[in-house]
Amino acid sequence: MTHALAAAALACVVLIVAGAFRTVRGPSGHDRVLAVQFVSTVGVGLALIAAFWLRARVLLDLALLLALTAAVVAMAFVSGAAPPAGEDE
């Protein structure tokens, strides 16, 4: 079980690095926001793996906080990127 958790944590770290690279590289703002959402989702998974592995309940709270923050950021981006209702572009 410990080897499986270590492998999953390592995979999450690799995915976070790949997502961080895409966040920096772009090419557009939409791609960057999607990469940040991806990194935060994988971060939630990594926090849950660490909480289970270390038996640290505080990491469950961290995972919940990260998930909620990512949802709010996504909603803020979508509301800022969309044209106002009733207005054609």
PDB file of N, CA and C in Angstrom:
ATOM      1  N   MET A   1       0.826  -1.198   0.000  1.00  0.00           N
ATOM      2  CA  MET A   1       0.000   0.000   0.000  1.00  0.00           C
ATOM      3  C   MET A   1       0.863   1.252   0.000  1.00  0.00           C
ATOM      4  N   THR A   2       1.955   1.214   0.749  1.00  0.00           N
ATOM      5  CA  THR A   2       2.826   2.382   0.833  1.00  0.00           C
ATOM      6  C   THR A   2       3.465   2.681  -0.516  1.00  0.00           C
ATOM      7  N   HIS A   3       3.825   1.636  -1.259  1.00  0.00           N
ATOM      8  CA  HIS A   3       4.430   1.838  -2.573  1.00  0.00           C
ATOM      9  C   HIS A   3       3.423   2.446  -3.542  1.00  0.00           C
ATOM     10  N   ALA A   4       2.188   2.041  -3.442  1.00  0.00           N
ATOM     11  CA  ALA A   4       1.157   2.585  -4.323  1.00  0.00           C
ATOM     12  C   ALA A   4       0.916   4.064  -4.019  1.00  0.00           C
ATOM     13  N   LEU A   5       0.891   4.415  -2.740  1.00  0.00           N
ATOM     14  CA  LEU A   5       0.706   5.821  -2.373  1.00  0.00           C
ATOM     15  C   LEU A   5       1.900   6.664  -2.810  1.00  0.00           C
ATOM     16  N   ALA A   6       3.090   6.118  -2.671  1.00  0.00           N
ATOM     17  CA  ALA A   6       4.285   6.848  -3.100  1.00  0.00           C
ATOM     18  C   ALA A   6       4.277   7.048  -4.614  1.00  0.00           C
ATOM     19  N   ALA A   7       3.875   6.028  -5.353  1.00  0.00           N
ATOM     20  CA  ALA A   7       3.808   6.148  -6.807  1.00  0.00           C
ATOM     21  C   ALA A   7       2.752   7.171  -7.226  1.00  0.00           C
ATOM     22  N   ALA A   8       1.615   7.161  -6.549  1.00  0.00           N
ATOM     23  CA  ALA A   8       0.564   8.126  -6.862  1.00  0.00           C
ATOM     24  C   ALA A   8       1.011   9.555  -6.527  1.00  0.00           C
ATOM     25  N   ALA A   9       1.698   9.711  -5.405  1.00  0.00           N
ATOM     26  CA  ALA A   9       2.200  11.037  -5.035  1.00  0.00           C
ATOM     27  C   ALA A   9       3.240  11.519  -6.033  1.00  0.00           C
ATOM     28  N   LEU A  10       4.116  10.634  -6.470  1.00  0.00           N
ATOM     29  CA  LEU A  10       5.123  11.005  -7.462  1.00  0.00           C
ATOM     30  C   LEU A  10       4.469  11.390  -8.784  1.00  0.00           C
ATOM     31  N   ALA A  11       3.453  10.651  -9.189  1.00  0.00           N
ATOM     32  CA  ALA A  11       2.728  10.988 -10.417  1.00  0.00           C
ATOM     33  C   ALA A  11       2.068  12.355 -10.297  1.00  0.00           C
ATOM     34  N   CYS A  12       1.507  12.658  -9.132  1.00  0.00           N
ATOM     35  CA  CYS A  12       0.888  13.975  -8.915  1.00  0.00           C
ATOM     36  C   CYS A  12       1.919  15.091  -9.002  1.00  0.00           C
ATOM     37  N   VAL A  13       3.089  14.863  -8.443  1.00  0.00           N
ATOM     38  CA  VAL A  13       4.140  15.880  -8.499  1.00  0.00           C
ATOM     39  C   VAL A  13       4.568  16.120  -9.943  1.00  0.00           C
ATOM     40  N   VAL A  14       4.721  15.058 -10.718  1.00  0.00           N
ATOM     41  CA  VAL A  14       5.083  15.201 -12.133  1.00  0.00           C
ATOM     42  C   VAL A  14       4.004  15.972 -12.889  1.00  0.00           C
ATOM     43  N   LEU A  15       2.751  15.669 -12.611  1.00  0.00           N
ATOM     44  CA  LEU A  15       1.654  16.377 -13.266  1.00  0.00           C
ATOM     45  C   LEU A  15       1.595  17.843 -12.853  1.00  0.00           C
ATOM     46  N   ILE A  16       1.897  18.146 -11.605  1.00  0.00           N
ATOM     47  CA  ILE A  16       1.920  19.540 -11.162  1.00  0.00           C
ATOM     48  C   ILE A  16       3.027  20.309 -11.875  1.00  0.00           C
ATOM     49  N   VAL A  17       4.184  19.694 -12.037  1.00  0.00           N
ATOM     50  CA  VAL A  17       5.282  20.351 -12.760  1.00  0.00           C
ATOM     51  C   VAL A  17       4.877  20.602 -14.217  1.00  0.00           C
ATOM     52  N   ALA A  18       4.254  19.612 -14.849  1.00  0.00           N
ATOM     53  CA  ALA A  18       3.805  19.785 -16.236  1.00  0.00           C
ATOM     54  C   ALA A  18       2.754  20.887 -16.342  1.00  0.00           C
ATOM     55  N   GLY A  19       1.832  20.934 -15.398  1.00  0.00           N
ATOM     56  CA  GLY A  19       0.817  21.986 -15.397  1.00  0.00           C
ATOM     57  C   GLY A  19       1.405  23.358 -15.128  1.00  0.00           C
ATOM     58  N   ALA A  20       2.398  23.415 -14.254  1.00  0.00           N
ATOM     59  CA  ALA A  20       3.060  24.703 -13.983  1.00  0.00           C
ATOM     60  C   ALA A  20       3.800  25.195 -15.225  1.00  0.00           C
ATOM     61  N   PHE A  21       4.399  24.272 -15.969  1.00  0.00           N
ATOM     62  CA  PHE A  21       5.061  24.644 -17.214  1.00  0.00           C
ATOM     63  C   PHE A  21       4.054  25.240 -18.190  1.00  0.00           C
ATOM     64  N   ARG A  22       2.884  24.608 -18.322  1.00  0.00           N
ATOM     65  CA  ARG A  22       1.861  25.122 -19.236  1.00  0.00           C
ATOM     66  C   ARG A  22       1.304  26.453 -18.734  1.00  0.00           C
ATOM     67  N   THR A  23       1.240  26.635 -17.426  1.00  0.00           N
ATOM     68  CA  THR A  23       0.767  27.907 -16.881  1.00  0.00           C
ATOM     69  C   THR A  23       1.707  29.038 -17.269  1.00  0.00           C
ATOM     70  N   VAL A  24       2.989  28.782 -17.228  1.00  0.00           N
ATOM     71  CA  VAL A  24       3.966  29.816 -17.574  1.00  0.00           C
ATOM     72  C   VAL A  24       4.020  30.035 -19.085  1.00  0.00           C
ATOM     73  N   ARG A  25       3.980  28.950 -19.870  1.00  0.00           N
ATOM     74  CA  ARG A  25       4.155  29.028 -21.314  1.00  0.00           C
ATOM     75  C   ARG A  25       2.955  29.604 -22.055  1.00  0.00           C
ATOM     76  N   GLY A  26       1.770  29.344 -21.583  1.00  0.00           N
ATOM     77  CA  GLY A  26       0.605  29.857 -22.309  1.00  0.00           C
ATOM     78  C   GLY A  26       0.047  28.844 -23.280  1.00  0.00           C
ATOM     79  N   PRO A  27      -0.276  29.168 -24.470  1.00  0.00           N
ATOM     80  CA  PRO A  27      -0.056  30.394 -25.233  1.00  0.00           C
ATOM     81  C   PRO A  27      -1.105  31.481 -24.992  1.00  0.00           C
ATOM     82  N   SER A  28      -2.291  31.144 -24.513  1.00  0.00           N
ATOM     83  CA  SER A  28      -3.311  32.175 -24.288  1.00  0.00           C
ATOM     84  C   SER A  28      -3.729  32.191 -22.818  1.00  0.00           C
ATOM     85  N   GLY A  29      -4.483  33.192 -22.471  1.00  0.00           N
ATOM     86  CA  GLY A  29      -4.979  33.297 -21.101  1.00  0.00           C
ATOM     87  C   GLY A  29      -5.895  32.149 -20.719  1.00  0.00           C
ATOM     88  N   HIS A  30      -6.689  31.701 -21.686  1.00  0.00           N
ATOM     89  CA  HIS A  30      -7.585  30.569 -21.413  1.00  0.00           C
ATOM     90  C   HIS A  30      -6.789  29.305 -21.098  1.00  0.00           C
ATOM     91  N   ASP A  31      -5.711  29.094 -21.842  1.00  0.00           N
ATOM     92  CA  ASP A  31      -4.864  27.928 -21.577  1.00  0.00           C
ATOM     93  C   ASP A  31      -4.228  28.019 -20.194  1.00  0.00           C
ATOM     94  N   ARG A  32      -3.837  29.210 -19.809  1.00  0.00           N
ATOM     95  CA  ARG A  32      -3.210  29.389 -18.497  1.00  0.00           C
ATOM     96  C   ARG A  32      -4.196  29.118 -17.368  1.00  0.00           C
ATOM     97  N   VAL A  33      -5.415  29.608 -17.522  1.00  0.00           N
ATOM     98  CA  VAL A  33      -6.427  29.376 -16.481  1.00  0.00           C
ATOM     99  C   VAL A  33      -6.771  27.891 -16.405  1.00  0.00           C
ATOM    100  N   LEU A  34      -6.874  27.246 -17.542  1.00  0.00           N
ATOM    101  CA  LEU A  34      -7.144  25.808 -17.542  1.00  0.00           C
ATOM    102  C   LEU A  34      -6.007  25.037 -16.885  1.00  0.00           C
ATOM    103  N   ALA A  35      -4.766  25.475 -17.123  1.00  0.00           N
ATOM    104  CA  ALA A  35      -3.618  24.820 -16.485  1.00  0.00           C
ATOM    105  C   ALA A  35      -3.628  25.036 -14.976  1.00  0.00           C
ATOM    106  N   VAL A  36      -4.014  26.231 -14.535  1.00  0.00           N
ATOM    107  CA  VAL A  36      -4.103  26.489 -13.090  1.00  0.00           C
ATOM    108  C   VAL A  36      -5.183  25.608 -12.469  1.00  0.00           C
ATOM    109  N   GLN A  37      -6.308  25.443 -13.168  1.00  0.00           N
ATOM    110  CA  GLN A  37      -7.359  24.547 -12.675  1.00  0.00           C
ATOM    111  C   GLN A  37      -6.849  23.114 -12.580  1.00  0.00           C
ATOM    112  N   PHE A  38      -6.081  22.697 -13.578  1.00  0.00           N
ATOM    113  CA  PHE A  38      -5.510  21.347 -13.575  1.00  0.00           C
ATOM    114  C   PHE A  38      -4.553  21.158 -12.404  1.00  0.00           C
ATOM    115  N   VAL A  39      -3.685  22.149 -12.192  1.00  0.00           N
ATOM    116  CA  VAL A  39      -2.718  22.066 -11.092  1.00  0.00           C
ATOM    117  C   VAL A  39      -3.444  22.016  -9.752  1.00  0.00           C
ATOM    118  N   SER A  40      -4.488  22.816  -9.612  1.00  0.00           N
ATOM    119  CA  SER A  40      -5.207  22.799  -8.337  1.00  0.00           C
ATOM    120  C   SER A  40      -5.946  21.477  -8.124  1.00  0.00           C
ATOM    121  N   THR A  41      -6.478  20.894  -9.191  1.00  0.00           N
ATOM    122  CA  THR A  41      -7.150  19.599  -9.067  1.00  0.00           C
ATOM    123  C   THR A  41      -6.157  18.510  -8.663  1.00  0.00           C
ATOM    124  N   VAL A  42      -4.992  18.509  -9.295  1.00  0.00           N
ATOM    125  CA  VAL A  42      -3.969  17.525  -8.940  1.00  0.00           C
ATOM    126  C   VAL A  42      -3.448  17.807  -7.532  1.00  0.00           C
ATOM    127  N   GLY A  43      -3.386  19.088  -7.148  1.00  0.00           N
ATOM    128  CA  GLY A  43      -2.979  19.432  -5.788  1.00  0.00           C
ATOM    129  C   GLY A  43      -3.951  18.902  -4.745  1.00  0.00           C
ATOM    130  N   VAL A  44      -5.234  18.936  -5.063  1.00  0.00           N
ATOM    131  CA  VAL A  44      -6.235  18.352  -4.168  1.00  0.00           C
ATOM    132  C   VAL A  44      -5.980  16.855  -4.021  1.00  0.00           C
ATOM    133  N   GLY A  45      -5.719  16.199  -5.140  1.00  0.00           N
ATOM    134  CA  GLY A  45      -5.416  14.770  -5.083  1.00  0.00           C
ATOM    135  C   GLY A  45      -4.167  14.477  -4.272  1.00  0.00           C
ATOM    136  N   LEU A  46      -3.141  15.303  -4.452  1.00  0.00           N
ATOM    137  CA  LEU A  46      -1.906  15.117  -3.692  1.00  0.00           C
ATOM    138  C   LEU A  46      -2.135  15.342  -2.196  1.00  0.00           C
ATOM    139  N   ALA A  47      -2.930  16.335  -1.844  1.00  0.00           N
ATOM    140  CA  ALA A  47      -3.240  16.573  -0.433  1.00  0.00           C
ATOM    141  C   ALA A  47      -4.028  15.408   0.159  1.00  0.00           C
ATOM    142  N   LEU A  48      -4.938  14.837  -0.619  1.00  0.00           N
ATOM    143  CA  LEU A  48      -5.699  13.684  -0.124  1.00  0.00           C
ATOM    144  C   LEU A  48      -4.812  12.460   0.040  1.00  0.00           C
ATOM    145  N   ILE A  49      -3.893  12.254  -0.899  1.00  0.00           N
ATOM    146  CA  ILE A  49      -2.947  11.143  -0.765  1.00  0.00           C
ATOM    147  C   ILE A  49      -2.093  11.324   0.482  1.00  0.00           C
ATOM    148  N   ALA A  50      -1.585  12.545   0.676  1.00  0.00           N
ATOM    149  CA  ALA A  50      -0.747  12.820   1.841  1.00  0.00           C
ATOM    150  C   ALA A  50      -1.538  12.671   3.143  1.00  0.00           C
ATOM    151  N   ALA A  51      -2.812  13.092   3.130  1.00  0.00           N
ATOM    152  CA  ALA A  51      -3.644  12.954   4.332  1.00  0.00           C
ATOM    153  C   ALA A  51      -3.836  11.482   4.688  1.00  0.00           C
ATOM    154  N   PHE A  52      -4.050  10.661   3.679  1.00  0.00           N
ATOM    155  CA  PHE A  52      -4.239   9.236   3.932  1.00  0.00           C
ATOM    156  C   PHE A  52      -2.934   8.579   4.375  1.00  0.00           C
ATOM    157  N   TRP A  53      -1.849   8.952   3.716  1.00  0.00           N
ATOM    158  CA  TRP A  53      -0.540   8.352   3.989  1.00  0.00           C
ATOM    159  C   TRP A  53      -0.024   8.744   5.369  1.00  0.00           C
ATOM    160  N   LEU A  54      -0.139  10.027   5.709  1.00  0.00           N
ATOM    161  CA  LEU A  54       0.395  10.528   6.981  1.00  0.00           C
ATOM    162  C   LEU A  54      -0.619  10.504   8.118  1.00  0.00           C
ATOM    163  N   ARG A  55      -1.859  10.144   7.788  1.00  0.00           N
ATOM    164  CA  ARG A  55      -2.952  10.159   8.776  1.00  0.00           C
ATOM    165  C   ARG A  55      -3.078  11.532   9.433  1.00  0.00           C
ATOM    166  N   ALA A  56      -3.023  12.571   8.590  1.00  0.00           N
ATOM    167  CA  ALA A  56      -3.118  13.956   9.063  1.00  0.00           C
ATOM    168  C   ALA A  56      -4.439  14.542   8.571  1.00  0.00           C
ATOM    169  N   ARG A  57      -5.378  14.687   9.488  1.00  0.00           N
ATOM    170  CA  ARG A  57      -6.700  15.190   9.121  1.00  0.00           C
ATOM    171  C   ARG A  57      -6.660  16.624   8.645  1.00  0.00           C
ATOM    172  N   VAL A  58      -5.664  17.381   9.049  1.00  0.00           N
ATOM    173  CA  VAL A  58      -5.589  18.776   8.623  1.00  0.00           C
ATOM    174  C   VAL A  58      -5.377  18.876   7.112  1.00  0.00           C
ATOM    175  N   LEU A  59      -4.776  17.876   6.509  1.00  0.00           N
ATOM    176  CA  LEU A  59      -4.585  17.891   5.068  1.00  0.00           C
ATOM    177  C   LEU A  59      -5.905  17.698   4.321  1.00  0.00           C
ATOM    178  N   LEU A  60      -6.875  17.078   4.950  1.00  0.00           N
ATOM    179  CA  LEU A  60      -8.206  17.003   4.351  1.00  0.00           C
ATOM    180  C   LEU A  60      -8.824  18.391   4.262  1.00  0.00           C
ATOM    181  N   ASP A  61      -8.617  19.198   5.292  1.00  0.00           N
ATOM    182  CA  ASP A  61      -9.102  20.575   5.267  1.00  0.00           C
ATOM    183  C   ASP A  61      -8.386  21.382   4.182  1.00  0.00           C
ATOM    184  N   LEU A  62      -7.099  21.145   4.017  1.00  0.00           N
ATOM    185  CA  LEU A  62      -6.338  21.820   2.972  1.00  0.00           C
ATOM    186  C   LEU A  62      -6.880  21.444   1.597  1.00  0.00           C
ATOM    187  N   ALA A  63      -7.180  20.180   1.387  1.00  0.00           N
ATOM    188  CA  ALA A  63      -7.721  19.733   0.105  1.00  0.00           C
ATOM    189  C   ALA A  63      -9.072  20.390  -0.172  1.00  0.00           C
ATOM    190  N   LEU A  64      -9.921  20.472   0.833  1.00  0.00           N
ATOM    191  CA  LEU A  64     -11.213  21.115   0.670  1.00  0.00           C
ATOM    192  C   LEU A  64     -11.055  22.596   0.358  1.00  0.00           C
ATOM    193  N   LEU A  65     -10.168  23.263   1.053  1.00  0.00           N
ATOM    194  CA  LEU A  65      -9.922  24.688   0.820  1.00  0.00           C
ATOM    195  C   LEU A  65      -9.393  24.921  -0.592  1.00  0.00           C
ATOM    196  N   LEU A  66      -8.491  24.090  -1.040  1.00  0.00           N
ATOM    197  CA  LEU A  66      -7.934  24.229  -2.385  1.00  0.00           C
ATOM    198  C   LEU A  66      -9.008  23.995  -3.445  1.00  0.00           C
ATOM    199  N   ALA A  67      -9.861  23.020  -3.245  1.00  0.00           N
ATOM    200  CA  ALA A  67     -10.932  22.746  -4.204  1.00  0.00           C
ATOM    201  C   ALA A  67     -11.917  23.905  -4.277  1.00  0.00           C
ATOM    202  N   LEU A  68     -12.287  24.453  -3.130  1.00  0.00           N
ATOM    203  CA  LEU A  68     -13.217  25.576  -3.119  1.00  0.00           C
ATOM    204  C   LEU A  68     -12.600  26.818  -3.747  1.00  0.00           C
ATOM    205  N   THR A  69     -11.336  27.068  -3.465  1.00  0.00           N
ATOM    206  CA  THR A  69     -10.656  28.221  -4.048  1.00  0.00           C
ATOM    207  C   THR A  69     -10.563  28.086  -5.558  1.00  0.00           C
ATOM    208  N   ALA A  70     -10.268  26.900  -6.045  1.00  0.00           N
ATOM    209  CA  ALA A  70     -10.184  26.675  -7.488  1.00  0.00           C
ATOM    210  C   ALA A  70     -11.533  26.902  -8.158  1.00  0.00           C
ATOM    211  N   ALA A  71     -12.600  26.497  -7.514  1.00  0.00           N
ATOM    212  CA  ALA A  71     -13.935  26.707  -8.080  1.00  0.00           C
ATOM    213  C   ALA A  71     -14.269  28.191  -8.162  1.00  0.00           C
ATOM    214  N   VAL A  72     -13.922  28.949  -7.135  1.00  0.00           N
ATOM    215  CA  VAL A  72     -14.187  30.382  -7.131  1.00  0.00           C
ATOM    216  C   VAL A  72     -13.356  31.082  -8.206  1.00  0.00           C
ATOM    217  N   VAL A  73     -12.106  30.687  -8.364  1.00  0.00           N
ATOM    218  CA  VAL A  73     -11.250  31.279  -9.393  1.00  0.00           C
ATOM    219  C   VAL A  73     -11.817  30.985 -10.783  1.00  0.00           C
ATOM    220  N   ALA A  74     -12.275  29.782 -11.008  1.00  0.00           N
ATOM    221  CA  ALA A  74     -12.851  29.432 -12.311  1.00  0.00           C
ATOM    222  C   ALA A  74     -14.104  30.259 -12.590  1.00  0.00           C
ATOM    223  N   MET A  75     -14.960  30.421 -11.590  1.00  0.00           N
ATOM    224  CA  MET A  75     -16.165  31.227 -11.781  1.00  0.00           C
ATOM    225  C   MET A  75     -15.825  32.684 -12.041  1.00  0.00           C
ATOM    226  N   ALA A  76     -14.824  33.204 -11.347  1.00  0.00           N
ATOM    227  CA  ALA A  76     -14.420  34.594 -11.555  1.00  0.00           C
ATOM    228  C   ALA A  76     -13.863  34.792 -12.960  1.00  0.00           C
ATOM    229  N   PHE A  77     -13.084  33.838 -13.438  1.00  0.00           N
ATOM    230  CA  PHE A  77     -12.533  33.959 -14.775  1.00  0.00           C
ATOM    231  C   PHE A  77     -13.632  33.888 -15.826  1.00  0.00           C
ATOM    232  N   VAL A  78     -14.551  32.957 -15.669  1.00  0.00           N
ATOM    233  CA  VAL A  78     -15.621  32.801 -16.652  1.00  0.00           C
ATOM    234  C   VAL A  78     -16.516  34.034 -16.661  1.00  0.00           C
ATOM    235  N   SER A  79     -16.826  34.580 -15.516  1.00  0.00           N
ATOM    236  CA  SER A  79     -17.688  35.762 -15.486  1.00  0.00           C
ATOM    237  C   SER A  79     -16.961  36.983 -16.045  1.00  0.00           C
ATOM    238  N   GLY A  80     -15.644  37.032 -15.916  1.00  0.00           N
ATOM    239  CA  GLY A  80     -14.892  38.151 -16.475  1.00  0.00           C
ATOM    240  C   GLY A  80     -14.617  37.985 -17.957  1.00  0.00           C
ATOM    241  N   ALA A  81     -14.584  36.763 -18.459  1.00  0.00           N
ATOM    242  CA  ALA A  81     -14.261  36.508 -19.864  1.00  0.00           C
ATOM    243  C   ALA A  81     -15.496  36.548 -20.753  1.00  0.00           C
ATOM    244  N   ALA A  82     -16.655  36.304 -20.196  1.00  0.00           N
ATOM    245  CA  ALA A  82     -17.869  36.266 -20.989  1.00  0.00           C
ATOM    246  C   ALA A  82     -18.399  37.681 -21.217  1.00  0.00           C
ATOM    247  N   PRO A  83     -18.962  37.948 -22.400  1.00  0.00           N
ATOM    248  CA  PRO A  83     -19.562  39.262 -22.618  1.00  0.00           C
ATOM    249  C   PRO A  83     -20.821  39.426 -21.778  1.00  0.00           C
ATOM    250  N   PRO A  84     -21.173  40.634 -21.415  1.00  0.00           N
ATOM    251  CA  PRO A  84     -22.382  40.835 -20.606  1.00  0.00           C
ATOM    252  C   PRO A  84     -23.616  40.316 -21.331  1.00  0.00           C
ATOM    253  N   ALA A  85     -24.622  39.914 -20.575  1.00  0.00           N
ATOM    254  CA  ALA A  85     -25.849  39.358 -21.140  1.00  0.00           C
ATOM    255  C   ALA A  85     -26.549  40.403 -22.003  1.00  0.00           C
ATOM    256  N   GLY A  86     -27.011  39.977 -23.173  1.00  0.00           N
ATOM    257  CA  GLY A  86     -27.734  40.879 -24.060  1.00  0.00           C
ATOM    258  C   GLY A  86     -26.824  41.710 -24.953  1.00  0.00           C
ATOM    259  N   GLU A  87     -25.547  41.515 -24.866  1.00  0.00           N
ATOM    260  CA  GLU A  87     -24.604  42.284 -25.661  1.00  0.00           C
ATOM    261  C   GLU A  87     -23.935  41.365 -26.668  1.00  0.00           C
ATOM    262  N   ASP A  88     -24.033  41.688 -27.943  1.00  0.00           N
ATOM    263  CA  ASP A  88     -23.418  40.871 -28.981  1.00  0.00           C
ATOM    264  C   ASP A  88     -22.049  41.409 -29.303  1.00  0.00           C
ATOM    265  N   GLU A  89     -21.173  40.464 -29.658  1.00  0.00           N
ATOM    266  CA  GLU A  89     -19.813  40.889 -30.042  1.00  0.00           C
ATOM    267  C   GLU A  89     -19.664  40.834 -31.528  1.00  0.00           C
TER     268      GLU A  89
END
